[in-house]
């Protein structure tokens, strides 16, 4: 199981950057309205899985299907990946 903290959100594109404990940022695309905010703790079971995955917002105690775009994104590339 991996976890991280929401660090940035592009609400127009539905993209979220999650700062992981072990390596850079994980970038996910929201597939539905998911109550997620900067600072929320997110966990997921399929560590480095890509594509459709279930992510859990521990802060708000809810889950959602997301589309995982990328893992291990550097801070320098975060804005590009989120299309900010």
C-alpha atoms as a PDB file:
ATOM      1  CA  UNK A   1       0.000   0.000   0.000  1.00  0.00           C
ATOM      2  CA  UNK A   2       1.274   3.473  -0.913  1.00  0.00           C
ATOM      3  CA  UNK A   3       0.191   6.789   0.466  1.00  0.00           C
ATOM      4  CA  UNK A   4       0.690  10.479  -0.023  1.00  0.00           C
ATOM      5  CA  UNK A   5      -0.675  13.954   0.553  1.00  0.00           C
ATOM      6  CA  UNK A   6      -2.554  15.941  -2.090  1.00  0.00           C
ATOM      7  CA  UNK A   7      -0.123  18.712  -3.071  1.00  0.00           C
ATOM      8  CA  UNK A   8      -1.799  20.335  -6.093  1.00  0.00           C
ATOM      9  CA  UNK A   9      -5.070  20.211  -8.017  1.00  0.00           C
ATOM     10  CA  UNK A  10      -6.051  21.422 -11.468  1.00  0.00           C
ATOM     11  CA  UNK A  11      -9.850  21.571 -11.077  1.00  0.00           C
ATOM     12  CA  UNK A  12     -10.480  22.510 -14.731  1.00  0.00           C
ATOM     13  CA  UNK A  13      -8.744  19.357 -15.953  1.00  0.00           C
ATOM     14  CA  UNK A  14      -9.647  17.153 -12.977  1.00  0.00           C
ATOM     15  CA  UNK A  15      -5.973  16.392 -12.313  1.00  0.00           C
ATOM     16  CA  UNK A  16      -4.449  15.808  -8.870  1.00  0.00           C
ATOM     17  CA  UNK A  17      -0.798  15.653  -7.789  1.00  0.00           C
ATOM     18  CA  UNK A  18      -0.129  13.495  -4.728  1.00  0.00           C
ATOM     19  CA  UNK A  19       3.221  13.874  -2.920  1.00  0.00           C
ATOM     20  CA  UNK A  20       4.322  10.375  -1.961  1.00  0.00           C
ATOM     21  CA  UNK A  21       6.513   9.470   0.991  1.00  0.00           C
ATOM     22  CA  UNK A  22       8.931   7.459  -1.101  1.00  0.00           C
ATOM     23  CA  UNK A  23       9.403   9.175  -4.468  1.00  0.00           C
ATOM     24  CA  UNK A  24       8.100  12.354  -6.041  1.00  0.00           C
ATOM     25  CA  UNK A  25       4.478  12.811  -7.071  1.00  0.00           C
ATOM     26  CA  UNK A  26       1.750  10.531  -8.384  1.00  0.00           C
ATOM     27  CA  UNK A  27      -0.552  12.146 -10.959  1.00  0.00           C
ATOM     28  CA  UNK A  28      -4.181  11.025 -11.210  1.00  0.00           C
ATOM     29  CA  UNK A  29      -7.120  12.129 -13.308  1.00  0.00           C
ATOM     30  CA  UNK A  30     -10.507  12.232 -11.598  1.00  0.00           C
ATOM     31  CA  UNK A  31     -13.168  10.139 -13.323  1.00  0.00           C
ATOM     32  CA  UNK A  32     -16.020  11.512 -11.185  1.00  0.00           C
ATOM     33  CA  UNK A  33     -16.702  14.221  -8.629  1.00  0.00           C
ATOM     34  CA  UNK A  34     -14.436  13.268  -5.732  1.00  0.00           C
ATOM     35  CA  UNK A  35     -14.238  15.386  -2.598  1.00  0.00           C
ATOM     36  CA  UNK A  36     -10.471  15.911  -2.472  1.00  0.00           C
ATOM     37  CA  UNK A  37      -8.493  18.954  -1.296  1.00  0.00           C
ATOM     38  CA  UNK A  38      -4.856  19.974  -0.896  1.00  0.00           C
ATOM     39  CA  UNK A  39      -3.589  18.423   2.323  1.00  0.00           C
ATOM     40  CA  UNK A  40      -5.806  15.311   2.221  1.00  0.00           C
ATOM     41  CA  UNK A  41      -4.128  11.946   2.881  1.00  0.00           C
ATOM     42  CA  UNK A  42      -4.625   9.481   0.010  1.00  0.00           C
ATOM     43  CA  UNK A  43      -3.865   5.736   0.032  1.00  0.00           C
ATOM     44  CA  UNK A  44      -3.986   3.058  -2.669  1.00  0.00           C
ATOM     45  CA  UNK A  45      -3.280  -0.659  -2.814  1.00  0.00           C
ATOM     46  CA  UNK A  46      -1.702  -1.126  -6.256  1.00  0.00           C
ATOM     47  CA  UNK A  47       1.543   0.753  -5.564  1.00  0.00           C
ATOM     48  CA  UNK A  48       2.753   1.693  -9.039  1.00  0.00           C
ATOM     49  CA  UNK A  49      -0.316   0.625 -11.028  1.00  0.00           C
ATOM     50  CA  UNK A  50      -1.397   2.773 -13.965  1.00  0.00           C
ATOM     51  CA  UNK A  51      -4.806   3.264 -15.536  1.00  0.00           C
ATOM     52  CA  UNK A  52      -8.066   2.775 -13.665  1.00  0.00           C
ATOM     53  CA  UNK A  53      -7.507   2.293  -9.916  1.00  0.00           C
ATOM     54  CA  UNK A  54      -9.400   2.837  -6.659  1.00  0.00           C
ATOM     55  CA  UNK A  55      -7.889   5.485  -4.388  1.00  0.00           C
ATOM     56  CA  UNK A  56      -9.040   6.235  -0.838  1.00  0.00           C
ATOM     57  CA  UNK A  57      -9.164   9.663   0.780  1.00  0.00           C
ATOM     58  CA  UNK A  58      -8.418   8.846   4.428  1.00  0.00           C
ATOM     59  CA  UNK A  59      -8.999  12.432   5.489  1.00  0.00           C
ATOM     60  CA  UNK A  60     -12.581  12.501   4.212  1.00  0.00           C
ATOM     61  CA  UNK A  61     -13.172   8.736   4.465  1.00  0.00           C
ATOM     62  CA  UNK A  62     -14.292   8.151   0.891  1.00  0.00           C
ATOM     63  CA  UNK A  63     -13.069   6.294  -2.202  1.00  0.00           C
ATOM     64  CA  UNK A  64     -13.120   6.924  -5.910  1.00  0.00           C
ATOM     65  CA  UNK A  65     -12.056   5.415  -9.201  1.00  0.00           C
ATOM     66  CA  UNK A  66      -9.272   7.493 -10.745  1.00  0.00           C
ATOM     67  CA  UNK A  67      -7.116   7.156 -13.837  1.00  0.00           C
ATOM     68  CA  UNK A  68      -3.462   7.023 -12.786  1.00  0.00           C
ATOM     69  CA  UNK A  69      -1.359   8.954 -15.301  1.00  0.00           C
ATOM     70  CA  UNK A  70       2.144   8.748 -13.826  1.00  0.00           C
ATOM     71  CA  UNK A  71       4.326   7.982 -10.796  1.00  0.00           C
ATOM     72  CA  UNK A  72       7.658   9.371  -9.574  1.00  0.00           C
ATOM     73  CA  UNK A  73       7.098  12.821 -11.104  1.00  0.00           C
ATOM     74  CA  UNK A  74       9.634  15.406  -9.939  1.00  0.00           C
ATOM     75  CA  UNK A  75       8.590  18.735  -8.415  1.00  0.00           C
ATOM     76  CA  UNK A  76      10.069  20.456 -11.486  1.00  0.00           C
ATOM     77  CA  UNK A  77       7.653  18.536 -13.759  1.00  0.00           C
ATOM     78  CA  UNK A  78       4.574  18.719 -11.524  1.00  0.00           C
ATOM     79  CA  UNK A  79       3.009  21.778 -13.215  1.00  0.00           C
ATOM     80  CA  UNK A  80       3.554  20.270 -16.669  1.00  0.00           C
ATOM     81  CA  UNK A  81       1.966  16.952 -15.649  1.00  0.00           C
ATOM     82  CA  UNK A  82      -1.036  18.737 -14.084  1.00  0.00           C
ATOM     83  CA  UNK A  83      -1.318  21.043 -17.110  1.00  0.00           C
ATOM     84  CA  UNK A  84      -1.319  24.114 -14.897  1.00  0.00           C
END
